[in-house]
PDB file of N, CA and C in Angstrom:
ATOM      1  N   UNK A   1     -22.634 236.192 231.530  1.00  0.00           N
ATOM      2  CA  UNK A   1     -23.245 235.156 230.348  1.00  0.00           C
ATOM      3  C   UNK A   1     -22.793 233.609 230.509  1.00  0.00           C
ATOM      4  N   UNK A   2     -23.937 232.808 230.710  1.00  0.00           N
ATOM      5  CA  UNK A   2     -23.363 231.479 230.876  1.00  0.00           C
ATOM      6  C   UNK A   2     -22.746 230.812 229.599  1.00  0.00           C
ATOM      7  N   UNK A   3     -22.149 229.592 229.749  1.00  0.00           N
ATOM      8  CA  UNK A   3     -21.529 228.684 228.609  1.00  0.00           C
ATOM      9  C   UNK A   3     -22.983 228.187 228.193  1.00  0.00           C
ATOM     10  N   UNK A   4     -22.779 227.773 226.882  1.00  0.00           N
ATOM     11  CA  UNK A   4     -23.875 227.121 226.305  1.00  0.00           C
ATOM     12  C   UNK A   4     -23.789 225.598 226.590  1.00  0.00           C
ATOM     13  N   UNK A   5     -24.542 224.880 226.752  1.00  0.00           N
ATOM     14  CA  UNK A   5     -24.532 223.671 226.995  1.00  0.00           C
ATOM     15  C   UNK A   5     -24.180 222.857 225.358  1.00  0.00           C
ATOM     16  N   UNK A   6     -23.327 221.637 225.564  1.00  0.00           N
ATOM     17  CA  UNK A   6     -23.125 220.890 224.082  1.00  0.00           C
ATOM     18  C   UNK A   6     -24.561 220.018 223.598  1.00  0.00           C
ATOM     19  N   UNK A   7     -24.859 220.101 222.268  1.00  0.00           N
ATOM     20  CA  UNK A   7     -25.426 219.369 221.865  1.00  0.00           C
ATOM     21  C   UNK A   7     -25.498 217.693 222.280  1.00  0.00           C
ATOM     22  N   UNK A   8     -26.800 217.088 221.964  1.00  0.00           N
ATOM     23  CA  UNK A   8     -26.873 215.621 222.328  1.00  0.00           C
ATOM     24  C   UNK A   8     -25.892 214.880 221.549  1.00  0.00           C
ATOM     25  N   UNK A   9     -24.748 213.940 222.416  1.00  0.00           N
ATOM     26  CA  UNK A   9     -23.855 213.089 221.526  1.00  0.00           C
ATOM     27  C   UNK A   9     -24.771 212.111 220.972  1.00  0.00           C
ATOM     28  N   UNK A  10     -25.978 211.733 220.890  1.00  0.00           N
ATOM     29  CA  UNK A  10     -26.857 210.785 219.928  1.00  0.00           C
ATOM     30  C   UNK A  10     -27.541 211.177 219.186  1.00  0.00           C
ATOM     31  N   UNK A  11     -28.307 212.370 219.451  1.00  0.00           N
ATOM     32  CA  UNK A  11     -28.934 212.955 218.389  1.00  0.00           C
ATOM     33  C   UNK A  11     -28.752 214.085 217.864  1.00  0.00           C
ATOM     34  N   UNK A  12     -27.983 214.928 218.385  1.00  0.00           N
ATOM     35  CA  UNK A  12     -27.557 216.015 218.176  1.00  0.00           C
ATOM     36  C   UNK A  12     -28.222 217.338 218.214  1.00  0.00           C
ATOM     37  N   UNK A  13     -29.134 217.062 219.080  1.00  0.00           N
ATOM     38  CA  UNK A  13     -30.363 217.847 219.564  1.00  0.00           C
ATOM     39  C   UNK A  13     -29.656 219.028 220.546  1.00  0.00           C
ATOM     40  N   UNK A  14     -29.857 220.518 220.039  1.00  0.00           N
ATOM     41  CA  UNK A  14     -29.343 221.546 220.528  1.00  0.00           C
ATOM     42  C   UNK A  14     -29.836 222.244 221.744  1.00  0.00           C
ATOM     43  N   UNK A  15     -30.948 221.512 222.203  1.00  0.00           N
ATOM     44  CA  UNK A  15     -31.829 221.934 223.459  1.00  0.00           C
ATOM     45  C   UNK A  15     -31.378 221.324 224.702  1.00  0.00           C
ATOM     46  N   UNK A  16     -30.239 220.986 224.510  1.00  0.00           N
ATOM     47  CA  UNK A  16     -29.811 219.955 226.154  1.00  0.00           C
ATOM     48  C   UNK A  16     -30.183 221.011 227.204  1.00  0.00           C
ATOM     49  N   UNK A  17     -30.338 220.285 228.668  1.00  0.00           N
ATOM     50  CA  UNK A  17     -30.447 220.960 229.501  1.00  0.00           C
ATOM     51  C   UNK A  17     -29.429 220.456 230.981  1.00  0.00           C
ATOM     52  N   UNK A  18     -29.373 221.069 232.077  1.00  0.00           N
ATOM     53  CA  UNK A  18     -28.685 220.445 233.250  1.00  0.00           C
ATOM     54  C   UNK A  18     -29.852 219.822 234.070  1.00  0.00           C
ATOM     55  N   UNK A  19     -29.817 218.814 234.714  1.00  0.00           N
ATOM     56  CA  UNK A  19     -30.069 218.039 235.732  1.00  0.00           C
ATOM     57  C   UNK A  19     -29.402 217.287 237.012  1.00  0.00           C
ATOM     58  N   UNK A  20     -28.895 218.489 237.531  1.00  0.00           N
ATOM     59  CA  UNK A  20     -28.176 217.869 238.702  1.00  0.00           C
ATOM     60  C   UNK A  20     -26.740 218.327 238.176  1.00  0.00           C
ATOM     61  N   UNK A  21     -26.006 216.788 238.184  1.00  0.00           N
ATOM     62  CA  UNK A  21     -24.995 216.841 237.754  1.00  0.00           C
ATOM     63  C   UNK A  21     -24.635 216.133 236.189  1.00  0.00           C
ATOM     64  N   UNK A  22     -25.765 216.055 235.415  1.00  0.00           N
ATOM     65  CA  UNK A  22     -25.953 215.126 234.404  1.00  0.00           C
ATOM     66  C   UNK A  22     -26.400 216.411 233.212  1.00  0.00           C
ATOM     67  N   UNK A  23     -26.340 216.616 232.121  1.00  0.00           N
ATOM     68  CA  UNK A  23     -27.300 217.155 230.978  1.00  0.00           C
ATOM     69  C   UNK A  23     -27.819 215.816 230.257  1.00  0.00           C
ATOM     70  N   UNK A  24     -28.953 216.520 229.863  1.00  0.00           N
ATOM     71  CA  UNK A  24     -30.302 215.704 229.634  1.00  0.00           C
ATOM     72  C   UNK A  24     -30.720 216.057 228.515  1.00  0.00           C
ATOM     73  N   UNK A  25     -30.838 215.499 227.422  1.00  0.00           N
ATOM     74  CA  UNK A  25     -31.645 215.602 226.046  1.00  0.00           C
ATOM     75  C   UNK A  25     -33.056 215.386 225.924  1.00  0.00           C
ATOM     76  N   UNK A  26     -33.995 216.636 225.712  1.00  0.00           N
ATOM     77  CA  UNK A  26     -35.294 216.603 225.665  1.00  0.00           C
ATOM     78  C   UNK A  26     -35.953 215.453 224.668  1.00  0.00           C
ATOM     79  N   UNK A  27     -35.137 215.329 223.555  1.00  0.00           N
ATOM     80  CA  UNK A  27     -35.600 214.553 222.529  1.00  0.00           C
ATOM     81  C   UNK A  27     -35.523 212.958 222.723  1.00  0.00           C
ATOM     82  N   UNK A  28     -34.259 212.618 223.227  1.00  0.00           N
ATOM     83  CA  UNK A  28     -34.009 211.190 223.225  1.00  0.00           C
ATOM     84  C   UNK A  28     -33.852 210.712 224.388  1.00  0.00           C
ATOM     85  N   UNK A  29     -33.698 211.793 225.710  1.00  0.00           N
ATOM     86  CA  UNK A  29     -33.593 211.231 226.780  1.00  0.00           C
ATOM     87  C   UNK A  29     -32.455 210.954 227.211  1.00  0.00           C
ATOM     88  N   UNK A  30     -31.448 210.609 226.217  1.00  0.00           N
ATOM     89  CA  UNK A  30     -30.148 210.655 226.677  1.00  0.00           C
ATOM     90  C   UNK A  30     -29.271 211.692 227.971  1.00  0.00           C
ATOM     91  N   UNK A  31     -28.318 210.770 228.646  1.00  0.00           N
ATOM     92  CA  UNK A  31     -27.918 211.803 229.794  1.00  0.00           C
ATOM     93  C   UNK A  31     -26.264 211.204 229.969  1.00  0.00           C
ATOM     94  N   UNK A  32     -25.800 212.416 229.889  1.00  0.00           N
ATOM     95  CA  UNK A  32     -24.691 212.572 229.962  1.00  0.00           C
ATOM     96  C   UNK A  32     -23.977 213.507 230.982  1.00  0.00           C
ATOM     97  N   UNK A  33     -22.420 213.244 231.091  1.00  0.00           N
ATOM     98  CA  UNK A  33     -21.903 214.546 232.129  1.00  0.00           C
ATOM     99  C   UNK A  33     -21.214 215.507 231.688  1.00  0.00           C
ATOM    100  N   UNK A  34     -21.243 216.541 232.118  1.00  0.00           N
ATOM    101  CA  UNK A  34     -20.098 217.559 231.413  1.00  0.00           C
ATOM    102  C   UNK A  34     -18.747 217.178 231.668  1.00  0.00           C
ATOM    103  N   UNK A  35     -18.824 216.567 233.192  1.00  0.00           N
ATOM    104  CA  UNK A  35     -17.361 216.202 233.358  1.00  0.00           C
ATOM    105  C   UNK A  35     -16.746 215.314 232.520  1.00  0.00           C
ATOM    106  N   UNK A  36     -15.372 215.655 231.788  1.00  0.00           N
ATOM    107  CA  UNK A  36     -15.201 214.636 230.810  1.00  0.00           C
ATOM    108  C   UNK A  36     -14.414 213.395 231.343  1.00  0.00           C
ATOM    109  N   UNK A  37     -14.169 213.680 232.862  1.00  0.00           N
ATOM    110  CA  UNK A  37     -13.501 212.514 233.704  1.00  0.00           C
ATOM    111  C   UNK A  37     -14.663 211.665 234.131  1.00  0.00           C
ATOM    112  N   UNK A  38     -15.513 211.855 234.215  1.00  0.00           N
ATOM    113  CA  UNK A  38     -16.834 210.718 234.710  1.00  0.00           C
ATOM    114  C   UNK A  38     -17.357 210.363 233.496  1.00  0.00           C
ATOM    115  N   UNK A  39     -17.079 208.929 233.768  1.00  0.00           N
ATOM    116  CA  UNK A  39     -17.753 208.132 232.538  1.00  0.00           C
ATOM    117  C   UNK A  39     -18.781 207.648 232.995  1.00  0.00           C
ATOM    118  N   UNK A  40     -20.119 207.483 232.183  1.00  0.00           N
ATOM    119  CA  UNK A  40     -21.543 207.423 232.747  1.00  0.00           C
ATOM    120  C   UNK A  40     -21.940 206.376 231.473  1.00  0.00           C
ATOM    121  N   UNK A  41     -22.257 204.998 232.180  1.00  0.00           N
ATOM    122  CA  UNK A  41     -23.129 203.937 231.583  1.00  0.00           C
ATOM    123  C   UNK A  41     -24.686 204.136 231.513  1.00  0.00           C
ATOM    124  N   UNK A  42     -24.992 203.648 230.584  1.00  0.00           N
ATOM    125  CA  UNK A  42     -26.766 204.053 230.515  1.00  0.00           C
ATOM    126  C   UNK A  42     -27.590 203.415 231.546  1.00  0.00           C
ATOM    127  N   UNK A  43     -28.345 204.298 232.035  1.00  0.00           N
ATOM    128  CA  UNK A  43     -29.365 203.904 233.466  1.00  0.00           C
ATOM    129  C   UNK A  43     -30.210 203.523 232.560  1.00  0.00           C
ATOM    130  N   UNK A  44     -30.673 202.189 233.203  1.00  0.00           N
ATOM    131  CA  UNK A  44     -32.300 201.574 232.711  1.00  0.00           C
ATOM    132  C   UNK A  44     -33.070 201.726 233.756  1.00  0.00           C
ATOM    133  N   UNK A  45     -34.487 202.229 233.352  1.00  0.00           N
ATOM    134  CA  UNK A  45     -35.291 202.455 234.368  1.00  0.00           C
ATOM    135  C   UNK A  45     -36.593 201.558 233.858  1.00  0.00           C
ATOM    136  N   UNK A  46     -37.491 201.144 235.179  1.00  0.00           N
ATOM    137  CA  UNK A  46     -38.971 200.949 234.673  1.00  0.00           C
ATOM    138  C   UNK A  46     -39.885 202.032 234.312  1.00  0.00           C
ATOM    139  N   UNK A  47     -40.917 201.740 234.323  1.00  0.00           N
ATOM    140  CA  UNK A  47     -42.194 202.564 234.178  1.00  0.00           C
ATOM    141  C   UNK A  47     -42.433 203.569 235.153  1.00  0.00           C
ATOM    142  N   UNK A  48     -42.100 203.126 236.495  1.00  0.00           N
ATOM    143  CA  UNK A  48     -41.901 204.056 237.587  1.00  0.00           C
ATOM    144  C   UNK A  48     -41.096 204.939 238.038  1.00  0.00           C
ATOM    145  N   UNK A  49     -39.750 204.587 237.098  1.00  0.00           N
ATOM    146  CA  UNK A  49     -38.562 205.418 237.283  1.00  0.00           C
ATOM    147  C   UNK A  49     -37.232 204.292 238.390  1.00  0.00           C
ATOM    148  N   UNK A  50     -37.525 203.357 238.594  1.00  0.00           N
ATOM    149  CA  UNK A  50     -37.104 202.428 239.665  1.00  0.00           C
ATOM    150  C   UNK A  50     -36.010 202.019 238.468  1.00  0.00           C
ATOM    151  N   UNK A  51     -34.554 202.071 239.013  1.00  0.00           N
ATOM    152  CA  UNK A  51     -33.436 201.636 238.247  1.00  0.00           C
ATOM    153  C   UNK A  51     -33.124 200.143 238.592  1.00  0.00           C
ATOM    154  N   UNK A  52     -33.046 199.586 237.312  1.00  0.00           N
ATOM    155  CA  UNK A  52     -33.046 198.253 237.095  1.00  0.00           C
ATOM    156  C   UNK A  52     -31.614 197.913 236.530  1.00  0.00           C
ATOM    157  N   UNK A  53     -31.637 196.761 237.127  1.00  0.00           N
ATOM    158  CA  UNK A  53     -29.878 195.950 236.964  1.00  0.00           C
ATOM    159  C   UNK A  53     -30.457 194.475 236.446  1.00  0.00           C
ATOM    160  N   UNK A  54     -29.106 193.962 236.121  1.00  0.00           N
ATOM    161  CA  UNK A  54     -28.953 192.489 235.705  1.00  0.00           C
ATOM    162  C   UNK A  54     -29.223 191.620 236.896  1.00  0.00           C
ATOM    163  N   UNK A  55     -30.301 190.518 236.665  1.00  0.00           N
ATOM    164  CA  UNK A  55     -30.621 189.831 237.731  1.00  0.00           C
ATOM    165  C   UNK A  55     -32.076 190.036 238.635  1.00  0.00           C
ATOM    166  N   UNK A  56     -32.392 191.646 238.234  1.00  0.00           N
ATOM    167  CA  UNK A  56     -33.463 191.786 238.949  1.00  0.00           C
ATOM    168  C   UNK A  56     -35.009 191.044 238.440  1.00  0.00           C
ATOM    169  N   UNK A  57     -35.930 190.699 239.371  1.00  0.00           N
ATOM    170  CA  UNK A  57     -36.974 190.395 238.806  1.00  0.00           C
ATOM    171  C   UNK A  57     -37.753 191.739 238.457  1.00  0.00           C
ATOM    172  N   UNK A  58     -38.614 191.646 237.147  1.00  0.00           N
ATOM    173  CA  UNK A  58     -39.827 192.722 237.015  1.00  0.00           C
ATOM    174  C   UNK A  58     -40.871 191.757 236.411  1.00  0.00           C
ATOM    175  N   UNK A  59     -41.812 192.756 236.551  1.00  0.00           N
ATOM    176  CA  UNK A  59     -43.397 192.348 236.288  1.00  0.00           C
ATOM    177  C   UNK A  59     -44.001 193.025 234.797  1.00  0.00           C
ATOM    178  N   UNK A  60     -44.328 192.221 234.218  1.00  0.00           N
ATOM    179  CA  UNK A  60     -44.952 192.613 232.853  1.00  0.00           C
ATOM    180  C   UNK A  60     -46.169 193.669 233.025  1.00  0.00           C
ATOM    181  N   UNK A  61     -46.421 194.722 232.568  1.00  0.00           N
ATOM    182  CA  UNK A  61     -47.662 195.279 232.946  1.00  0.00           C
ATOM    183  C   UNK A  61     -48.578 195.787 231.991  1.00  0.00           C
ATOM    184  N   UNK A  62     -48.407 194.984 230.843  1.00  0.00           N
ATOM    185  CA  UNK A  62     -49.466 194.894 229.874  1.00  0.00           C
ATOM    186  C   UNK A  62     -49.387 193.666 229.166  1.00  0.00           C
ATOM    187  N   UNK A  63     -50.604 193.175 228.336  1.00  0.00           N
ATOM    188  CA  UNK A  63     -50.401 192.082 227.835  1.00  0.00           C
ATOM    189  C   UNK A  63     -49.351 192.027 226.409  1.00  0.00           C
ATOM    190  N   UNK A  64     -48.470 191.408 226.232  1.00  0.00           N
ATOM    191  CA  UNK A  64     -47.770 191.608 225.042  1.00  0.00           C
ATOM    192  C   UNK A  64     -47.729 190.494 224.169  1.00  0.00           C
ATOM    193  N   UNK A  65     -48.126 190.749 222.846  1.00  0.00           N
ATOM    194  CA  UNK A  65     -48.059 189.513 221.917  1.00  0.00           C
ATOM    195  C   UNK A  65     -46.711 189.444 221.365  1.00  0.00           C
ATOM    196  N   UNK A  66     -46.310 188.078 221.407  1.00  0.00           N
ATOM    197  CA  UNK A  66     -45.325 187.491 220.914  1.00  0.00           C
ATOM    198  C   UNK A  66     -45.185 187.674 219.245  1.00  0.00           C
ATOM    199  N   UNK A  67     -43.924 188.496 218.895  1.00  0.00           N
ATOM    200  CA  UNK A  67     -44.041 188.371 217.068  1.00  0.00           C
ATOM    201  C   UNK A  67     -43.953 187.066 216.771  1.00  0.00           C
ATOM    202  N   UNK A  68     -44.765 186.848 215.668  1.00  0.00           N
ATOM    203  CA  UNK A  68     -44.745 185.391 214.959  1.00  0.00           C
ATOM    204  C   UNK A  68     -45.369 184.466 215.520  1.00  0.00           C
ATOM    205  N   UNK A  69     -46.028 184.474 216.777  1.00  0.00           N
ATOM    206  CA  UNK A  69     -46.840 183.424 217.190  1.00  0.00           C
ATOM    207  C   UNK A  69     -48.166 183.895 217.621  1.00  0.00           C
ATOM    208  N   UNK A  70     -48.650 182.964 218.084  1.00  0.00           N
ATOM    209  CA  UNK A  70     -50.146 183.702 218.693  1.00  0.00           C
ATOM    210  C   UNK A  70     -50.122 183.714 220.246  1.00  0.00           C
ATOM    211  N   UNK A  71     -48.672 183.549 220.722  1.00  0.00           N
ATOM    212  CA  UNK A  71     -48.570 183.268 222.146  1.00  0.00           C
ATOM    213  C   UNK A  71     -48.899 185.270 222.915  1.00  0.00           C
ATOM    214  N   UNK A  72     -48.974 185.063 223.975  1.00  0.00           N
ATOM    215  CA  UNK A  72     -49.320 186.342 224.652  1.00  0.00           C
ATOM    216  C   UNK A  72     -48.330 186.154 225.945  1.00  0.00           C
ATOM    217  N   UNK A  73     -47.654 187.215 226.372  1.00  0.00           N
ATOM    218  CA  UNK A  73     -46.976 187.333 227.465  1.00  0.00           C
ATOM    219  C   UNK A  73     -48.181 188.025 228.264  1.00  0.00           C
ATOM    220  N   UNK A  74     -48.618 187.449 229.211  1.00  0.00           N
ATOM    221  CA  UNK A  74     -49.792 188.079 230.397  1.00  0.00           C
ATOM    222  C   UNK A  74     -49.229 189.008 231.002  1.00  0.00           C
ATOM    223  N   UNK A  75     -50.140 190.156 231.559  1.00  0.00           N
ATOM    224  CA  UNK A  75     -49.664 190.956 232.440  1.00  0.00           C
ATOM    225  C   UNK A  75     -49.804 190.387 233.490  1.00  0.00           C
ATOM    226  N   UNK A  76     -48.587 190.873 234.549  1.00  0.00           N
ATOM    227  CA  UNK A  76     -48.261 189.836 236.097  1.00  0.00           C
ATOM    228  C   UNK A  76     -47.780 188.828 235.860  1.00  0.00           C
ATOM    229  N   UNK A  77     -46.794 188.837 234.677  1.00  0.00           N
ATOM    230  CA  UNK A  77     -46.103 187.718 234.516  1.00  0.00           C
ATOM    231  C   UNK A  77     -44.576 188.189 235.068  1.00  0.00           C
ATOM    232  N   UNK A  78     -43.882 187.504 235.934  1.00  0.00           N
ATOM    233  CA  UNK A  78     -42.570 187.884 236.644  1.00  0.00           C
ATOM    234  C   UNK A  78     -41.560 187.198 235.696  1.00  0.00           C
ATOM    235  N   UNK A  79     -40.617 188.251 235.730  1.00  0.00           N
ATOM    236  CA  UNK A  79     -39.454 188.045 234.582  1.00  0.00           C
ATOM    237  C   UNK A  79     -38.384 188.430 235.337  1.00  0.00           C
ATOM    238  N   UNK A  80     -37.087 187.180 235.112  1.00  0.00           N
ATOM    239  CA  UNK A  80     -35.806 187.867 235.585  1.00  0.00           C
ATOM    240  C   UNK A  80     -35.004 188.171 234.264  1.00  0.00           C
ATOM    241  N   UNK A  81     -34.357 189.175 234.885  1.00  0.00           N
ATOM    242  CA  UNK A  81     -33.647 190.210 233.572  1.00  0.00           C
ATOM    243  C   UNK A  81     -32.360 189.288 233.848  1.00  0.00           C
ATOM    244  N   UNK A  82     -31.732 188.707 232.619  1.00  0.00           N
ATOM    245  CA  UNK A  82     -30.949 188.075 232.188  1.00  0.00           C
ATOM    246  C   UNK A  82     -29.898 188.882 231.723  1.00  0.00           C
ATOM    247  N   UNK A  83     -30.335 190.016 230.667  1.00  0.00           N
ATOM    248  CA  UNK A  83     -28.989 190.925 230.469  1.00  0.00           C
ATOM    249  C   UNK A  83     -29.690 192.183 229.754  1.00  0.00           C
ATOM    250  N   UNK A  84     -28.957 193.434 230.074  1.00  0.00           N
ATOM    251  CA  UNK A  84     -29.577 194.575 229.787  1.00  0.00           C
ATOM    252  C   UNK A  84     -28.737 194.953 228.705  1.00  0.00           C
ATOM    253  N   UNK A  85     -29.520 195.355 227.497  1.00  0.00           N
ATOM    254  CA  UNK A  85     -28.762 195.896 226.553  1.00  0.00           C
ATOM    255  C   UNK A  85     -29.143 197.394 225.838  1.00  0.00           C
ATOM    256  N   UNK A  86     -28.298 197.818 224.988  1.00  0.00           N
ATOM    257  CA  UNK A  86     -28.402 199.196 224.719  1.00  0.00           C
ATOM    258  C   UNK A  86     -29.069 199.415 223.088  1.00  0.00           C
ATOM    259  N   UNK A  87     -30.007 199.022 223.150  1.00  0.00           N
ATOM    260  CA  UNK A  87     -30.736 198.388 221.867  1.00  0.00           C
ATOM    261  C   UNK A  87     -32.208 199.064 222.112  1.00  0.00           C
ATOM    262  N   UNK A  88     -33.040 198.684 221.256  1.00  0.00           N
ATOM    263  CA  UNK A  88     -34.366 198.888 220.754  1.00  0.00           C
ATOM    264  C   UNK A  88     -35.179 198.432 222.134  1.00  0.00           C
ATOM    265  N   UNK A  89     -35.179 197.205 222.289  1.00  0.00           N
ATOM    266  CA  UNK A  89     -35.426 196.272 223.314  1.00  0.00           C
ATOM    267  C   UNK A  89     -34.536 196.127 224.004  1.00  0.00           C
ATOM    268  N   UNK A  90     -34.742 196.936 225.689  1.00  0.00           N
ATOM    269  CA  UNK A  90     -33.363 196.834 226.409  1.00  0.00           C
ATOM    270  C   UNK A  90     -33.111 195.591 227.293  1.00  0.00           C
ATOM    271  N   UNK A  91     -34.154 194.675 227.573  1.00  0.00           N
ATOM    272  CA  UNK A  91     -34.126 193.284 228.426  1.00  0.00           C
ATOM    273  C   UNK A  91     -34.138 192.331 227.633  1.00  0.00           C
ATOM    274  N   UNK A  92     -33.298 191.437 227.854  1.00  0.00           N
ATOM    275  CA  UNK A  92     -33.269 190.368 227.030  1.00  0.00           C
ATOM    276  C   UNK A  92     -33.425 189.024 228.438  1.00  0.00           C
ATOM    277  N   UNK A  93     -34.419 188.224 228.564  1.00  0.00           N
ATOM    278  CA  UNK A  93     -34.941 187.266 229.482  1.00  0.00           C
ATOM    279  C   UNK A  93     -35.464 186.156 228.807  1.00  0.00           C
ATOM    280  N   UNK A  94     -35.781 185.460 229.459  1.00  0.00           N
ATOM    281  CA  UNK A  94     -36.544 183.892 229.662  1.00  0.00           C
ATOM    282  C   UNK A  94     -37.803 183.927 229.870  1.00  0.00           C
ATOM    283  N   UNK A  95     -38.945 184.150 229.182  1.00  0.00           N
ATOM    284  CA  UNK A  95     -39.994 183.405 229.753  1.00  0.00           C
ATOM    285  C   UNK A  95     -41.046 182.398 229.788  1.00  0.00           C
ATOM    286  N   UNK A  96     -41.139 181.598 231.015  1.00  0.00           N
ATOM    287  CA  UNK A  96     -41.776 180.288 230.878  1.00  0.00           C
ATOM    288  C   UNK A  96     -42.701 180.270 229.949  1.00  0.00           C
ATOM    289  N   UNK A  97     -42.579 178.987 229.238  1.00  0.00           N
ATOM    290  CA  UNK A  97     -43.895 178.848 228.140  1.00  0.00           C
ATOM    291  C   UNK A  97     -43.809 179.367 226.714  1.00  0.00           C
ATOM    292  N   UNK A  98     -42.963 180.558 226.862  1.00  0.00           N
ATOM    293  CA  UNK A  98     -42.406 181.563 225.928  1.00  0.00           C
ATOM    294  C   UNK A  98     -41.128 181.155 225.242  1.00  0.00           C
ATOM    295  N   UNK A  99     -40.147 181.405 225.995  1.00  0.00           N
ATOM    296  CA  UNK A  99     -38.654 181.181 225.855  1.00  0.00           C
ATOM    297  C   UNK A  99     -38.099 182.510 225.778  1.00  0.00           C
ATOM    298  N   UNK A 100     -37.113 182.550 225.083  1.00  0.00           N
ATOM    299  CA  UNK A 100     -36.177 183.953 224.789  1.00  0.00           C
ATOM    300  C   UNK A 100     -36.866 184.971 224.615  1.00  0.00           C
ATOM    301  N   UNK A 101     -36.772 185.899 224.760  1.00  0.00           N
ATOM    302  CA  UNK A 101     -37.623 187.067 224.578  1.00  0.00           C
ATOM    303  C   UNK A 101     -36.728 188.554 224.923  1.00  0.00           C
ATOM    304  N   UNK A 102     -37.176 189.550 224.049  1.00  0.00           N
ATOM    305  CA  UNK A 102     -36.575 191.040 224.443  1.00  0.00           C
ATOM    306  C   UNK A 102     -37.731 191.728 224.753  1.00  0.00           C
ATOM    307  N   UNK A 103     -37.421 192.539 225.820  1.00  0.00           N
ATOM    308  CA  UNK A 103     -38.416 193.511 226.129  1.00  0.00           C
ATOM    309  C   UNK A 103     -38.234 194.761 226.450  1.00  0.00           C
ATOM    310  N   UNK A 104     -39.063 196.021 226.468  1.00  0.00           N
ATOM    311  CA  UNK A 104     -38.620 197.224 226.419  1.00  0.00           C
ATOM    312  C   UNK A 104     -38.816 197.584 227.701  1.00  0.00           C
ATOM    313  N   UNK A 105     -38.021 198.604 228.637  1.00  0.00           N
ATOM    314  CA  UNK A 105     -38.108 198.801 230.059  1.00  0.00           C
ATOM    315  C   UNK A 105     -39.670 199.496 230.003  1.00  0.00           C
ATOM    316  N   UNK A 106     -40.111 200.349 229.425  1.00  0.00           N
ATOM    317  CA  UNK A 106     -41.386 200.781 229.180  1.00  0.00           C
ATOM    318  C   UNK A 106     -42.677 199.707 229.826  1.00  0.00           C
ATOM    319  N   UNK A 107     -42.542 198.722 229.577  1.00  0.00           N
ATOM    320  CA  UNK A 107     -43.549 197.552 229.932  1.00  0.00           C
ATOM    321  C   UNK A 107     -43.511 197.156 231.087  1.00  0.00           C
ATOM    322  N   UNK A 108     -42.554 197.246 231.872  1.00  0.00           N
ATOM    323  CA  UNK A 108     -42.131 196.612 233.048  1.00  0.00           C
ATOM    324  C   UNK A 108     -41.876 197.048 234.242  1.00  0.00           C
ATOM    325  N   UNK A 109     -42.399 196.677 235.411  1.00  0.00           N
ATOM    326  CA  UNK A 109     -41.881 197.550 236.785  1.00  0.00           C
ATOM    327  C   UNK A 109     -41.449 196.671 237.622  1.00  0.00           C
ATOM    328  N   UNK A 110     -40.618 197.076 238.559  1.00  0.00           N
ATOM    329  CA  UNK A 110     -39.540 196.392 239.263  1.00  0.00           C
ATOM    330  C   UNK A 110     -40.530 195.782 240.465  1.00  0.00           C
ATOM    331  N   UNK A 111     -40.153 194.265 240.418  1.00  0.00           N
ATOM    332  CA  UNK A 111     -41.050 193.400 241.624  1.00  0.00           C
ATOM    333  C   UNK A 111     -40.375 193.458 242.955  1.00  0.00           C
TER     334      UNK A 111
END
């Protein structure tokens, strides 16, 4: 009999599964290592699954309304990632004509 996998450390889901060297939660998509010596940082991926890093340039894939204004961040706008954060909106950036803004990785692709 195999050892049961631990529950997700973020959402406590008990249905975690192994994917290579990592354990993955099917509910919140959190990935972690079963090896306690291995320290894993969050991996940020764009809509196509490409890994994003600070300083990368990304392209917006959908018109996004800017909350509190009548402005829209248009599809195709290229944005440089200033900082990646472990929050609801992962990308901290500055968009010309709009200013400082936070974006979700699900609305960008690596340029």
